[in-house]
PDB file of all heavy atoms in Angstrom:
ATOM      1  N   ASP A   1      -2.875  -2.584  -7.022  1.00  0.00           N
ATOM      2  CA  ASP A   1      -4.331  -2.153  -6.900  1.00  0.00           C
ATOM      3  C   ASP A   1      -4.410  -0.689  -6.558  1.00  0.00           C
ATOM      4  O   ASP A   1      -5.491  -0.087  -6.748  1.00  0.00           O
ATOM      5  CB  ASP A   1      -5.104  -3.047  -5.937  1.00  0.00           C
ATOM      6  CG  ASP A   1      -5.138  -4.525  -6.400  1.00  0.00           C
ATOM      7  OD1 ASP A   1      -5.275  -4.693  -7.575  1.00  0.00           O
ATOM      8  OD2 ASP A   1      -4.884  -5.351  -5.569  1.00  0.00           O
ATOM      9  N   ASN A   2      -3.380  -0.143  -5.823  1.00  0.00           N
ATOM     10  CA  ASN A   2      -3.587   1.164  -5.258  1.00  0.00           C
ATOM     11  C   ASN A   2      -2.412   2.218  -5.558  1.00  0.00           C
ATOM     12  O   ASN A   2      -2.475   3.358  -5.049  1.00  0.00           O
ATOM     13  CB  ASN A   2      -3.750   1.094  -3.769  1.00  0.00           C
ATOM     14  CG  ASN A   2      -2.496   0.604  -3.086  1.00  0.00           C
ATOM     15  OD1 ASN A   2      -1.498   0.289  -3.696  1.00  0.00           O
ATOM     16  ND2 ASN A   2      -2.556   0.561  -1.639  1.00  0.00           N
ATOM     17  N   PHE A   3      -1.418   1.791  -6.308  1.00  0.00           N
ATOM     18  CA  PHE A   3      -0.215   2.642  -6.542  1.00  0.00           C
ATOM     19  C   PHE A   3      -0.565   3.944  -7.072  1.00  0.00           C
ATOM     20  O   PHE A   3       0.127   4.889  -6.876  1.00  0.00           O
ATOM     21  CB  PHE A   3       0.846   1.911  -7.374  1.00  0.00           C
ATOM     22  CG  PHE A   3       0.524   1.863  -8.839  1.00  0.00           C
ATOM     23  CD1 PHE A   3       1.108   2.793  -9.730  1.00  0.00           C
ATOM     24  CD2 PHE A   3      -0.229   0.871  -9.388  1.00  0.00           C
ATOM     25  CE1 PHE A   3       0.789   2.784 -11.043  1.00  0.00           C
ATOM     26  CE2 PHE A   3      -0.537   0.859 -10.789  1.00  0.00           C
ATOM     27  CZ  PHE A   3      -0.031   1.862 -11.580  1.00  0.00           C
ATOM     28  N   GLU A   4      -1.689   4.039  -7.864  1.00  0.00           N
ATOM     29  CA  GLU A   4      -2.063   5.299  -8.489  1.00  0.00           C
ATOM     30  C   GLU A   4      -2.544   6.286  -7.407  1.00  0.00           C
ATOM     31  O   GLU A   4      -2.704   7.564  -7.735  1.00  0.00           O
ATOM     32  CB  GLU A   4      -3.124   5.090  -9.484  1.00  0.00           C
ATOM     33  CG  GLU A   4      -2.697   4.270 -10.676  1.00  0.00           C
ATOM     34  CD  GLU A   4      -3.774   4.011 -11.723  1.00  0.00           C
ATOM     35  OE1 GLU A   4      -4.928   3.979 -11.309  1.00  0.00           O
ATOM     36  OE2 GLU A   4      -3.411   3.831 -12.897  1.00  0.00           O
ATOM     37  N   GLU A   5      -2.719   5.924  -6.227  1.00  0.00           N
ATOM     38  CA  GLU A   5      -3.097   6.835  -5.102  1.00  0.00           C
ATOM     39  C   GLU A   5      -2.081   7.244  -4.100  1.00  0.00           C
ATOM     40  O   GLU A   5      -2.293   7.795  -3.125  1.00  0.00           O
ATOM     41  CB  GLU A   5      -4.336   6.298  -4.291  1.00  0.00           C
ATOM     42  CG  GLU A   5      -5.540   6.165  -5.248  1.00  0.00           C
ATOM     43  CD  GLU A   5      -6.920   6.074  -4.423  1.00  0.00           C
ATOM     44  OE1 GLU A   5      -6.921   6.321  -3.227  1.00  0.00           O
ATOM     45  OE2 GLU A   5      -7.955   5.757  -5.080  1.00  0.00           O
ATOM     46  N   VAL A   6      -0.797   6.900  -4.527  1.00  0.00           N
ATOM     47  CA  VAL A   6       0.319   7.303  -3.694  1.00  0.00           C
ATOM     48  C   VAL A   6       0.282   8.795  -3.421  1.00  0.00           C
ATOM     49  O   VAL A   6       0.585   9.201  -2.246  1.00  0.00           O
ATOM     50  CB  VAL A   6       1.691   6.892  -4.359  1.00  0.00           C
ATOM     51  CG1 VAL A   6       2.829   7.601  -3.773  1.00  0.00           C
ATOM     52  CG2 VAL A   6       1.887   5.393  -4.229  1.00  0.00           C
ATOM     53  N   LEU A   7       0.082   9.572  -4.396  1.00  0.00           N
ATOM     54  CA  LEU A   7       0.099  11.028  -4.240  1.00  0.00           C
ATOM     55  C   LEU A   7      -1.175  11.541  -3.486  1.00  0.00           C
ATOM     56  O   LEU A   7      -1.143  12.485  -2.785  1.00  0.00           O
ATOM     57  CB  LEU A   7       0.204  11.715  -5.525  1.00  0.00           C
ATOM     58  CG  LEU A   7       1.520  11.411  -6.302  1.00  0.00           C
ATOM     59  CD1 LEU A   7       1.661  12.302  -7.620  1.00  0.00           C
ATOM     60  CD2 LEU A   7       2.783  11.697  -5.354  1.00  0.00           C
ATOM     61  N   ASP A   8      -2.312  10.883  -3.718  1.00  0.00           N
ATOM     62  CA  ASP A   8      -3.545  11.283  -3.002  1.00  0.00           C
ATOM     63  C   ASP A   8      -3.321  11.077  -1.545  1.00  0.00           C
ATOM     64  O   ASP A   8      -3.838  11.870  -0.726  1.00  0.00           O
ATOM     65  CB  ASP A   8      -4.734  10.359  -3.502  1.00  0.00           C
ATOM     66  CG  ASP A   8      -5.101  10.645  -4.986  1.00  0.00           C
ATOM     67  OD1 ASP A   8      -5.359  11.787  -5.314  1.00  0.00           O
ATOM     68  OD2 ASP A   8      -4.977   9.736  -5.782  1.00  0.00           O
ATOM     69  N   PHE A   9      -2.740  10.002  -1.230  1.00  0.00           N
ATOM     70  CA  PHE A   9      -2.380   9.729   0.290  1.00  0.00           C
ATOM     71  C   PHE A   9      -1.539  10.799   0.809  1.00  0.00           C
ATOM     72  O   PHE A   9      -1.782  11.260   1.961  1.00  0.00           O
ATOM     73  CB  PHE A   9      -1.728   8.333   0.357  1.00  0.00           C
ATOM     74  CG  PHE A   9      -1.390   7.885   1.715  1.00  0.00           C
ATOM     75  CD1 PHE A   9      -2.307   7.470   2.653  1.00  0.00           C
ATOM     76  CD2 PHE A   9      -0.034   7.957   2.141  1.00  0.00           C
ATOM     77  CE1 PHE A   9      -1.937   7.074   3.897  1.00  0.00           C
ATOM     78  CE2 PHE A   9       0.330   7.412   3.349  1.00  0.00           C
ATOM     79  CZ  PHE A   9      -0.611   7.009   4.263  1.00  0.00           C
ATOM     80  N   ALA A  10      -0.498  11.109   0.075  1.00  0.00           N
ATOM     81  CA  ALA A  10       0.403  12.246   0.534  1.00  0.00           C
ATOM     82  C   ALA A  10      -0.293  13.587   0.737  1.00  0.00           C
ATOM     83  O   ALA A  10      -0.181  14.254   1.752  1.00  0.00           O
ATOM     84  CB  ALA A  10       1.550  12.353  -0.428  1.00  0.00           C
ATOM     85  N   ASN A  11      -1.118  13.906  -0.223  1.00  0.00           N
ATOM     86  CA  ASN A  11      -1.923  15.171  -0.107  1.00  0.00           C
ATOM     87  C   ASN A  11      -2.862  15.190   1.022  1.00  0.00           C
ATOM     88  O   ASN A  11      -3.157  16.207   1.584  1.00  0.00           O
ATOM     89  CB  ASN A  11      -2.540  15.461  -1.487  1.00  0.00           C
ATOM     90  CG  ASN A  11      -1.593  15.968  -2.553  1.00  0.00           C
ATOM     91  OD1 ASN A  11      -0.734  16.905  -2.240  1.00  0.00           O
ATOM     92  ND2 ASN A  11      -1.625  15.418  -3.674  1.00  0.00           N
ATOM     93  N   LEU A  12      -3.474  13.975   1.262  1.00  0.00           N
ATOM     94  CA  LEU A  12      -4.472  13.819   2.293  1.00  0.00           C
ATOM     95  C   LEU A  12      -3.832  14.142   3.690  1.00  0.00           C
ATOM     96  O   LEU A  12      -4.450  14.810   4.505  1.00  0.00           O
ATOM     97  CB  LEU A  12      -5.000  12.458   2.320  1.00  0.00           C
ATOM     98  CG  LEU A  12      -6.033  12.024   3.357  1.00  0.00           C
ATOM     99  CD1 LEU A  12      -7.318  12.884   3.248  1.00  0.00           C
ATOM    100  CD2 LEU A  12      -6.351  10.572   3.357  1.00  0.00           C
ATOM    101  N   PHE A  13      -2.626  13.749   3.870  1.00  0.00           N
ATOM    102  CA  PHE A  13      -2.084  13.837   5.220  1.00  0.00           C
ATOM    103  C   PHE A  13      -0.947  14.943   5.392  1.00  0.00           C
ATOM    104  O   PHE A  13      -0.423  15.108   6.408  1.00  0.00           O
ATOM    105  CB  PHE A  13      -1.392  12.457   5.667  1.00  0.00           C
ATOM    106  CG  PHE A  13      -2.473  11.491   6.035  1.00  0.00           C
ATOM    107  CD1 PHE A  13      -2.832  10.453   5.130  1.00  0.00           C
ATOM    108  CD2 PHE A  13      -3.020  11.567   7.281  1.00  0.00           C
ATOM    109  CE1 PHE A  13      -3.753   9.529   5.497  1.00  0.00           C
ATOM    110  CE2 PHE A  13      -4.001  10.614   7.654  1.00  0.00           C
ATOM    111  CZ  PHE A  13      -4.380   9.598   6.703  1.00  0.00           C
ATOM    112  N   LYS A  14      -0.762  15.671   4.287  1.00  0.00           N
ATOM    113  CA  LYS A  14       0.310  16.705   4.416  1.00  0.00           C
ATOM    114  C   LYS A  14      -0.061  17.843   5.471  1.00  0.00           C
ATOM    115  O   LYS A  14       0.786  18.399   6.010  1.00  0.00           O
ATOM    116  CB  LYS A  14       0.577  17.342   3.046  1.00  0.00           C
ATOM    117  CG  LYS A  14      -0.523  18.153   2.476  1.00  0.00           C
ATOM    118  CD  LYS A  14      -0.182  18.805   1.203  1.00  0.00           C
ATOM    119  CE  LYS A  14      -1.321  19.644   0.629  1.00  0.00           C
ATOM    120  NZ  LYS A  14      -0.978  20.233  -0.668  1.00  0.00           N
ATOM    121  N   ASP A  15      -1.336  18.011   5.597  1.00  0.00           N
ATOM    122  CA  ASP A  15      -1.760  19.108   6.553  1.00  0.00           C
ATOM    123  C   ASP A  15      -2.401  18.486   7.794  1.00  0.00           C
ATOM    124  O   ASP A  15      -3.036  19.240   8.569  1.00  0.00           O
ATOM    125  CB  ASP A  15      -2.774  20.066   5.874  1.00  0.00           C
ATOM    126  CG  ASP A  15      -2.087  20.809   4.746  1.00  0.00           C
ATOM    127  OD1 ASP A  15      -0.912  21.235   4.905  1.00  0.00           O
ATOM    128  OD2 ASP A  15      -2.754  21.005   3.677  1.00  0.00           O
ATOM    129  N   ILE A  16      -2.338  17.243   7.990  1.00  0.00           N
ATOM    130  CA  ILE A  16      -2.882  16.567   9.297  1.00  0.00           C
ATOM    131  C   ILE A  16      -1.581  16.174  10.045  1.00  0.00           C
ATOM    132  O   ILE A  16      -0.540  15.761   9.510  1.00  0.00           O
ATOM    133  CB  ILE A  16      -3.606  15.273   8.904  1.00  0.00           C
ATOM    134  CG1 ILE A  16      -4.899  15.657   8.108  1.00  0.00           C
ATOM    135  CG2 ILE A  16      -4.005  14.616  10.212  1.00  0.00           C
ATOM    136  CD1 ILE A  16      -5.729  14.391   7.700  1.00  0.00           C
ATOM    137  N   ASP A  17      -1.649  16.531  11.366  1.00  0.00           N
ATOM    138  CA  ASP A  17      -0.451  16.469  12.141  1.00  0.00           C
ATOM    139  C   ASP A  17      -0.047  14.988  12.641  1.00  0.00           C
ATOM    140  O   ASP A  17       0.247  14.771  13.762  1.00  0.00           O
ATOM    141  CB  ASP A  17      -0.590  17.315  13.470  1.00  0.00           C
ATOM    142  CG  ASP A  17      -0.498  18.821  13.120  1.00  0.00           C
ATOM    143  OD1 ASP A  17       0.068  19.103  12.028  1.00  0.00           O
ATOM    144  OD2 ASP A  17      -1.065  19.675  13.881  1.00  0.00           O
ATOM    145  N   VAL A  18       0.008  14.113  11.679  1.00  0.00           N
ATOM    146  CA  VAL A  18       0.669  12.778  11.933  1.00  0.00           C
ATOM    147  C   VAL A  18       2.096  12.943  11.988  1.00  0.00           C
ATOM    148  O   VAL A  18       2.686  13.972  11.304  1.00  0.00           O
ATOM    149  CB  VAL A  18       0.181  11.736  10.953  1.00  0.00           C
ATOM    150  CG1 VAL A  18      -1.340  11.418  11.016  1.00  0.00           C
ATOM    151  CG2 VAL A  18       0.642  12.150   9.510  1.00  0.00           C
ATOM    152  N   ASP A  19       2.867  12.086  12.597  1.00  0.00           N
ATOM    153  CA  ASP A  19       4.248  12.114  12.660  1.00  0.00           C
ATOM    154  C   ASP A  19       4.979  11.577  11.406  1.00  0.00           C
ATOM    155  O   ASP A  19       6.031  12.062  11.083  1.00  0.00           O
ATOM    156  CB  ASP A  19       4.782  11.447  13.915  1.00  0.00           C
ATOM    157  CG  ASP A  19       4.364  12.078  15.215  1.00  0.00           C
ATOM    158  OD1 ASP A  19       4.773  13.240  15.518  1.00  0.00           O
ATOM    159  OD2 ASP A  19       3.460  11.530  15.870  1.00  0.00           O
ATOM    160  N   TYR A  20       4.363  10.694  10.795  1.00  0.00           N
ATOM    161  CA  TYR A  20       4.916  10.116   9.621  1.00  0.00           C
ATOM    162  C   TYR A  20       3.859   9.480   8.734  1.00  0.00           C
ATOM    163  O   TYR A  20       2.884   9.065   9.235  1.00  0.00           O
ATOM    164  CB  TYR A  20       6.086   9.157   9.872  1.00  0.00           C
ATOM    165  CG  TYR A  20       5.691   7.825  10.545  1.00  0.00           C
ATOM    166  CD1 TYR A  20       5.230   6.748   9.685  1.00  0.00           C
ATOM    167  CD2 TYR A  20       5.691   7.698  11.847  1.00  0.00           C
ATOM    168  CE1 TYR A  20       4.848   5.504  10.345  1.00  0.00           C
ATOM    169  CE2 TYR A  20       5.320   6.467  12.463  1.00  0.00           C
ATOM    170  CZ  TYR A  20       4.905   5.373  11.711  1.00  0.00           C
ATOM    171  OH  TYR A  20       4.519   4.230  12.263  1.00  0.00           O
ATOM    172  N   CYS A  21       4.198   9.317   7.456  1.00  0.00           N
ATOM    173  CA  CYS A  21       3.397   8.541   6.493  1.00  0.00           C
ATOM    174  C   CYS A  21       4.408   7.549   5.912  1.00  0.00           C
ATOM    175  O   CYS A  21       5.301   7.875   5.238  1.00  0.00           O
ATOM    176  CB  CYS A  21       2.862   9.511   5.361  1.00  0.00           C
ATOM    177  SG  CYS A  21       1.798  10.788   5.945  1.00  0.00           S
ATOM    178  N   GLN A  22       4.023   6.266   6.064  1.00  0.00           N
ATOM    179  CA  GLN A  22       4.921   5.154   5.723  1.00  0.00           C
ATOM    180  C   GLN A  22       4.428   4.550   4.405  1.00  0.00           C
ATOM    181  O   GLN A  22       3.241   4.079   4.365  1.00  0.00           O
ATOM    182  CB  GLN A  22       4.987   4.143   6.852  1.00  0.00           C
ATOM    183  CG  GLN A  22       5.874   2.915   6.473  1.00  0.00           C
ATOM    184  CD  GLN A  22       5.607   1.784   7.533  1.00  0.00           C
ATOM    185  OE1 GLN A  22       4.469   1.448   7.772  1.00  0.00           O
ATOM    186  NE2 GLN A  22       6.626   1.192   7.948  1.00  0.00           N
ATOM    187  N   TYR A  23       5.307   4.365   3.432  1.00  0.00           N
ATOM    188  CA  TYR A  23       5.059   3.585   2.250  1.00  0.00           C
ATOM    189  C   TYR A  23       5.910   2.297   2.347  1.00  0.00           C
ATOM    190  O   TYR A  23       7.032   2.373   2.631  1.00  0.00           O
ATOM    191  CB  TYR A  23       5.350   4.275   0.957  1.00  0.00           C
ATOM    192  CG  TYR A  23       4.494   5.583   0.730  1.00  0.00           C
ATOM    193  CD1 TYR A  23       4.933   6.844   1.179  1.00  0.00           C
ATOM    194  CD2 TYR A  23       3.370   5.478  -0.022  1.00  0.00           C
ATOM    195  CE1 TYR A  23       4.165   7.914   0.939  1.00  0.00           C
ATOM    196  CE2 TYR A  23       2.599   6.614  -0.312  1.00  0.00           C
ATOM    197  CZ  TYR A  23       2.980   7.810   0.229  1.00  0.00           C
ATOM    198  OH  TYR A  23       2.243   8.925  -0.070  1.00  0.00           O
ATOM    199  N   LYS A  24       5.275   1.128   1.962  1.00  0.00           N
ATOM    200  CA  LYS A  24       6.014  -0.084   1.935  1.00  0.00           C
ATOM    201  C   LYS A  24       5.412  -0.999   0.841  1.00  0.00           C
ATOM    202  O   LYS A  24       4.273  -0.868   0.537  1.00  0.00           O
ATOM    203  CB  LYS A  24       6.168  -0.760   3.277  1.00  0.00           C
ATOM    204  CG  LYS A  24       4.853  -1.175   3.793  1.00  0.00           C
ATOM    205  CD  LYS A  24       5.072  -1.817   5.261  1.00  0.00           C
ATOM    206  CE  LYS A  24       3.758  -2.321   5.759  1.00  0.00           C
ATOM    207  NZ  LYS A  24       4.044  -2.983   7.088  1.00  0.00           N
ATOM    208  N   PRO A  25       6.231  -1.899   0.235  1.00  0.00           N
ATOM    209  CA  PRO A  25       5.722  -2.793  -0.772  1.00  0.00           C
ATOM    210  C   PRO A  25       4.800  -3.879  -0.217  1.00  0.00           C
ATOM    211  O   PRO A  25       4.995  -4.307   0.900  1.00  0.00           O
ATOM    212  CB  PRO A  25       6.915  -3.315  -1.504  1.00  0.00           C
ATOM    213  CG  PRO A  25       7.982  -3.214  -0.375  1.00  0.00           C
ATOM    214  CD  PRO A  25       7.703  -2.107   0.464  1.00  0.00           C
ATOM    215  N   GLU A  26       3.846  -4.250  -0.987  1.00  0.00           N
ATOM    216  CA  GLU A  26       3.012  -5.449  -0.656  1.00  0.00           C
ATOM    217  C   GLU A  26       3.886  -6.696  -0.647  1.00  0.00           C
ATOM    218  O   GLU A  26       4.823  -6.853  -1.501  1.00  0.00           O
ATOM    219  CB  GLU A  26       1.925  -5.722  -1.698  1.00  0.00           C
ATOM    220  CG  GLU A  26       1.110  -6.946  -1.485  1.00  0.00           C
ATOM    221  CD  GLU A  26       0.054  -7.162  -2.613  1.00  0.00           C
ATOM    222  OE1 GLU A  26       0.204  -6.524  -3.691  1.00  0.00           O
ATOM    223  OE2 GLU A  26      -0.835  -7.961  -2.395  1.00  0.00           O
ATOM    224  N   ILE A  27       3.785  -7.443   0.406  1.00  0.00           N
ATOM    225  CA  ILE A  27       4.511  -8.722   0.596  1.00  0.00           C
ATOM    226  C   ILE A  27       3.456  -9.818   0.357  1.00  0.00           C
ATOM    227  O   ILE A  27       2.520  -9.997   0.953  1.00  0.00           O
ATOM    228  CB  ILE A  27       5.040  -8.872   1.992  1.00  0.00           C
ATOM    229  CG1 ILE A  27       5.931  -7.637   2.240  1.00  0.00           C
ATOM    230  CG2 ILE A  27       5.894 -10.155   2.048  1.00  0.00           C
ATOM    231  CD1 ILE A  27       7.008  -7.347   1.312  1.00  0.00           C
ATOM    232  N   ILE A  28       3.856 -10.712  -0.716  1.00  0.00           N
ATOM    233  CA  ILE A  28       2.948 -11.739  -1.138  1.00  0.00           C
ATOM    234  C   ILE A  28       3.165 -12.948  -0.177  1.00  0.00           C
ATOM    235  O   ILE A  28       4.276 -13.512   0.002  1.00  0.00           O
ATOM    236  CB  ILE A  28       3.261 -12.233  -2.537  1.00  0.00           C
ATOM    237  CG1 ILE A  28       3.068 -11.017  -3.506  1.00  0.00           C
ATOM    238  CG2 ILE A  28       2.414 -13.496  -2.935  1.00  0.00           C
ATOM    239  CD1 ILE A  28       1.628 -10.538  -3.479  1.00  0.00           C
ATOM    240  N   GLN A  29       2.128 -13.443   0.517  1.00  0.00           N
ATOM    241  CA  GLN A  29       2.069 -14.603   1.304  1.00  0.00           C
ATOM    242  C   GLN A  29       2.057 -15.774   0.396  1.00  0.00           C
ATOM    243  O   GLN A  29       1.151 -15.880  -0.393  1.00  0.00           O
ATOM    244  CB  GLN A  29       0.929 -14.555   2.279  1.00  0.00           C
ATOM    245  CG  GLN A  29       1.020 -13.551   3.426  1.00  0.00           C
ATOM    246  CD  GLN A  29       2.120 -13.942   4.420  1.00  0.00           C
ATOM    247  OE1 GLN A  29       2.332 -15.161   4.683  1.00  0.00           O
ATOM    248  NE2 GLN A  29       2.733 -12.966   5.067  1.00  0.00           N
ATOM    249  N   ILE A  30       2.923 -16.795   0.676  1.00  0.00           N
ATOM    250  CA  ILE A  30       3.016 -17.921  -0.199  1.00  0.00           C
ATOM    251  C   ILE A  30       1.670 -18.741  -0.342  1.00  0.00           C
ATOM    252  O   ILE A  30       1.199 -18.997  -1.405  1.00  0.00           O
ATOM    253  CB  ILE A  30       4.108 -18.862   0.237  1.00  0.00           C
ATOM    254  CG1 ILE A  30       5.461 -18.193   0.169  1.00  0.00           C
ATOM    255  CG2 ILE A  30       4.086 -20.188  -0.537  1.00  0.00           C
ATOM    256  CD1 ILE A  30       6.616 -18.942   0.864  1.00  0.00           C
ATOM    257  N   GLU A  31       1.074 -18.997   0.793  1.00  0.00           N
ATOM    258  CA  GLU A  31      -0.161 -19.824   0.736  1.00  0.00           C
ATOM    259  C   GLU A  31      -1.355 -19.065   0.197  1.00  0.00           C
ATOM    260  O   GLU A  31      -2.119 -19.592  -0.612  1.00  0.00           O
ATOM    261  CB  GLU A  31      -0.594 -20.247   2.202  1.00  0.00           C
ATOM    262  CG  GLU A  31       0.425 -21.226   2.809  1.00  0.00           C
ATOM    263  CD  GLU A  31       0.555 -21.095   4.352  1.00  0.00           C
ATOM    264  OE1 GLU A  31       0.750 -19.969   4.810  1.00  0.00           O
ATOM    265  OE2 GLU A  31       0.405 -22.165   4.936  1.00  0.00           O
ATOM    266  N   ARG A  32      -1.459 -17.777   0.540  1.00  0.00           N
ATOM    267  CA  ARG A  32      -2.588 -16.982   0.057  1.00  0.00           C
ATOM    268  C   ARG A  32      -2.436 -16.802  -1.453  1.00  0.00           C
ATOM    269  O   ARG A  32      -3.370 -16.844  -2.274  1.00  0.00           O
ATOM    270  CB  ARG A  32      -2.706 -15.599   0.716  1.00  0.00           C
ATOM    271  CG  ARG A  32      -3.918 -14.837   0.347  1.00  0.00           C
ATOM    272  CD  ARG A  32      -4.042 -13.642   1.271  1.00  0.00           C
ATOM    273  NE  ARG A  32      -5.230 -12.885   0.961  1.00  0.00           N
ATOM    274  CZ  ARG A  32      -6.496 -13.184   1.371  1.00  0.00           C
ATOM    275  NH1 ARG A  32      -6.684 -14.249   2.180  1.00  0.00           N
ATOM    276  NH2 ARG A  32      -7.559 -12.393   1.066  1.00  0.00           N
ATOM    277  N   ASN A  33      -1.183 -16.682  -1.869  1.00  0.00           N
ATOM    278  CA  ASN A  33      -0.873 -16.522  -3.330  1.00  0.00           C
ATOM    279  C   ASN A  33      -1.397 -17.712  -4.099  1.00  0.00           C
ATOM    280  O   ASN A  33      -2.081 -17.578  -5.101  1.00  0.00           O
ATOM    281  CB  ASN A  33       0.657 -16.262  -3.551  1.00  0.00           C
ATOM    282  CG  ASN A  33       1.019 -16.108  -4.972  1.00  0.00           C
ATOM    283  OD1 ASN A  33       0.209 -15.606  -5.771  1.00  0.00           O
ATOM    284  ND2 ASN A  33       2.260 -16.419  -5.228  1.00  0.00           N
ATOM    285  N   ALA A  34      -1.108 -18.923  -3.583  1.00  0.00           N
ATOM    286  CA  ALA A  34      -1.498 -20.150  -4.340  1.00  0.00           C
ATOM    287  C   ALA A  34      -2.974 -20.309  -4.206  1.00  0.00           C
ATOM    288  O   ALA A  34      -3.680 -20.753  -5.167  1.00  0.00           O
ATOM    289  CB  ALA A  34      -0.831 -21.404  -3.627  1.00  0.00           C
ATOM    290  N   ALA A  35      -3.626 -19.878  -3.132  1.00  0.00           N
ATOM    291  CA  ALA A  35      -5.117 -20.148  -3.006  1.00  0.00           C
ATOM    292  C   ALA A  35      -5.927 -19.186  -3.896  1.00  0.00           C
ATOM    293  O   ALA A  35      -6.951 -19.557  -4.359  1.00  0.00           O
ATOM    294  CB  ALA A  35      -5.440 -19.912  -1.575  1.00  0.00           C
ATOM    295  N   ILE A  36      -5.476 -17.953  -4.078  1.00  0.00           N
ATOM    296  CA  ILE A  36      -6.292 -17.081  -4.897  1.00  0.00           C
ATOM    297  C   ILE A  36      -5.705 -16.800  -6.251  1.00  0.00           C
ATOM    298  O   ILE A  36      -6.172 -15.889  -6.998  1.00  0.00           O
ATOM    299  CB  ILE A  36      -6.447 -15.709  -4.129  1.00  0.00           C
ATOM    300  CG1 ILE A  36      -5.108 -15.047  -3.959  1.00  0.00           C
ATOM    301  CG2 ILE A  36      -7.191 -15.945  -2.771  1.00  0.00           C
ATOM    302  CD1 ILE A  36      -5.288 -13.652  -3.257  1.00  0.00           C
ATOM    303  N   ASP A  37      -4.691 -17.555  -6.620  1.00  0.00           N
ATOM    304  CA  ASP A  37      -4.039 -17.377  -7.936  1.00  0.00           C
ATOM    305  C   ASP A  37      -3.588 -15.935  -8.155  1.00  0.00           C
ATOM    306  O   ASP A  37      -3.772 -15.396  -9.253  1.00  0.00           O
ATOM    307  CB  ASP A  37      -4.981 -17.832  -9.031  1.00  0.00           C
ATOM    308  CG  ASP A  37      -4.304 -18.003 -10.358  1.00  0.00           C
ATOM    309  OD1 ASP A  37      -3.111 -18.366 -10.339  1.00  0.00           O
ATOM    310  OD2 ASP A  37      -4.910 -17.796 -11.491  1.00  0.00           O
ATOM    311  N   LYS A  38      -3.041 -15.316  -7.154  1.00  0.00           N
ATOM    312  CA  LYS A  38      -2.568 -14.021  -7.288  1.00  0.00           C
ATOM    313  C   LYS A  38      -1.192 -13.972  -7.997  1.00  0.00           C
ATOM    314  O   LYS A  38      -0.466 -14.922  -7.930  1.00  0.00           O
ATOM    315  CB  LYS A  38      -2.356 -13.330  -5.820  1.00  0.00           C
ATOM    316  CG  LYS A  38      -2.161 -11.900  -5.823  1.00  0.00           C
ATOM    317  CD  LYS A  38      -2.067 -11.396  -4.424  1.00  0.00           C
ATOM    318  CE  LYS A  38      -1.782  -9.832  -4.353  1.00  0.00           C
ATOM    319  NZ  LYS A  38      -2.838  -9.086  -4.899  1.00  0.00           N
ATOM    320  N   LYS A  39      -0.931 -12.870  -8.657  1.00  0.00           N
ATOM    321  CA  LYS A  39       0.376 -12.752  -9.289  1.00  0.00           C
ATOM    322  C   LYS A  39       1.521 -12.808  -8.288  1.00  0.00           C
ATOM    323  O   LYS A  39       1.337 -12.687  -7.091  1.00  0.00           O
ATOM    324  CB  LYS A  39       0.459 -11.406 -10.061  1.00  0.00           C
ATOM    325  CG  LYS A  39      -0.508 -11.251 -11.205  1.00  0.00           C
ATOM    326  CD  LYS A  39      -0.390  -9.920 -11.812  1.00  0.00           C
ATOM    327  CE  LYS A  39      -1.379  -9.784 -12.998  1.00  0.00           C
ATOM    328  NZ  LYS A  39      -1.289  -8.495 -13.685  1.00  0.00           N
ATOM    329  N   GLU A  40       2.707 -13.055  -8.789  1.00  0.00           N
ATOM    330  CA  GLU A  40       3.918 -13.172  -7.865  1.00  0.00           C
ATOM    331  C   GLU A  40       4.159 -11.706  -7.364  1.00  0.00           C
ATOM    332  O   GLU A  40       3.520 -10.770  -7.742  1.00  0.00           O
ATOM    333  CB  GLU A  40       5.129 -13.653  -8.723  1.00  0.00           C
ATOM    334  CG  GLU A  40       4.978 -15.034  -9.157  1.00  0.00           C
ATOM    335  CD  GLU A  40       6.231 -15.517  -9.839  1.00  0.00           C
ATOM    336  OE1 GLU A  40       7.179 -14.774 -10.004  1.00  0.00           O
ATOM    337  OE2 GLU A  40       6.337 -16.758 -10.128  1.00  0.00           O
TER     338      GLU A  40
END
């Protein structure tokens, strides 16, 4: 849903003095996946 904003996020924080910007993959919860028919 949001991978197209990976670079927008980077550009947003490049000049703000945070210590790091962390990217990580979405982790699918088994129960929620079944309940909302989300993709694997």
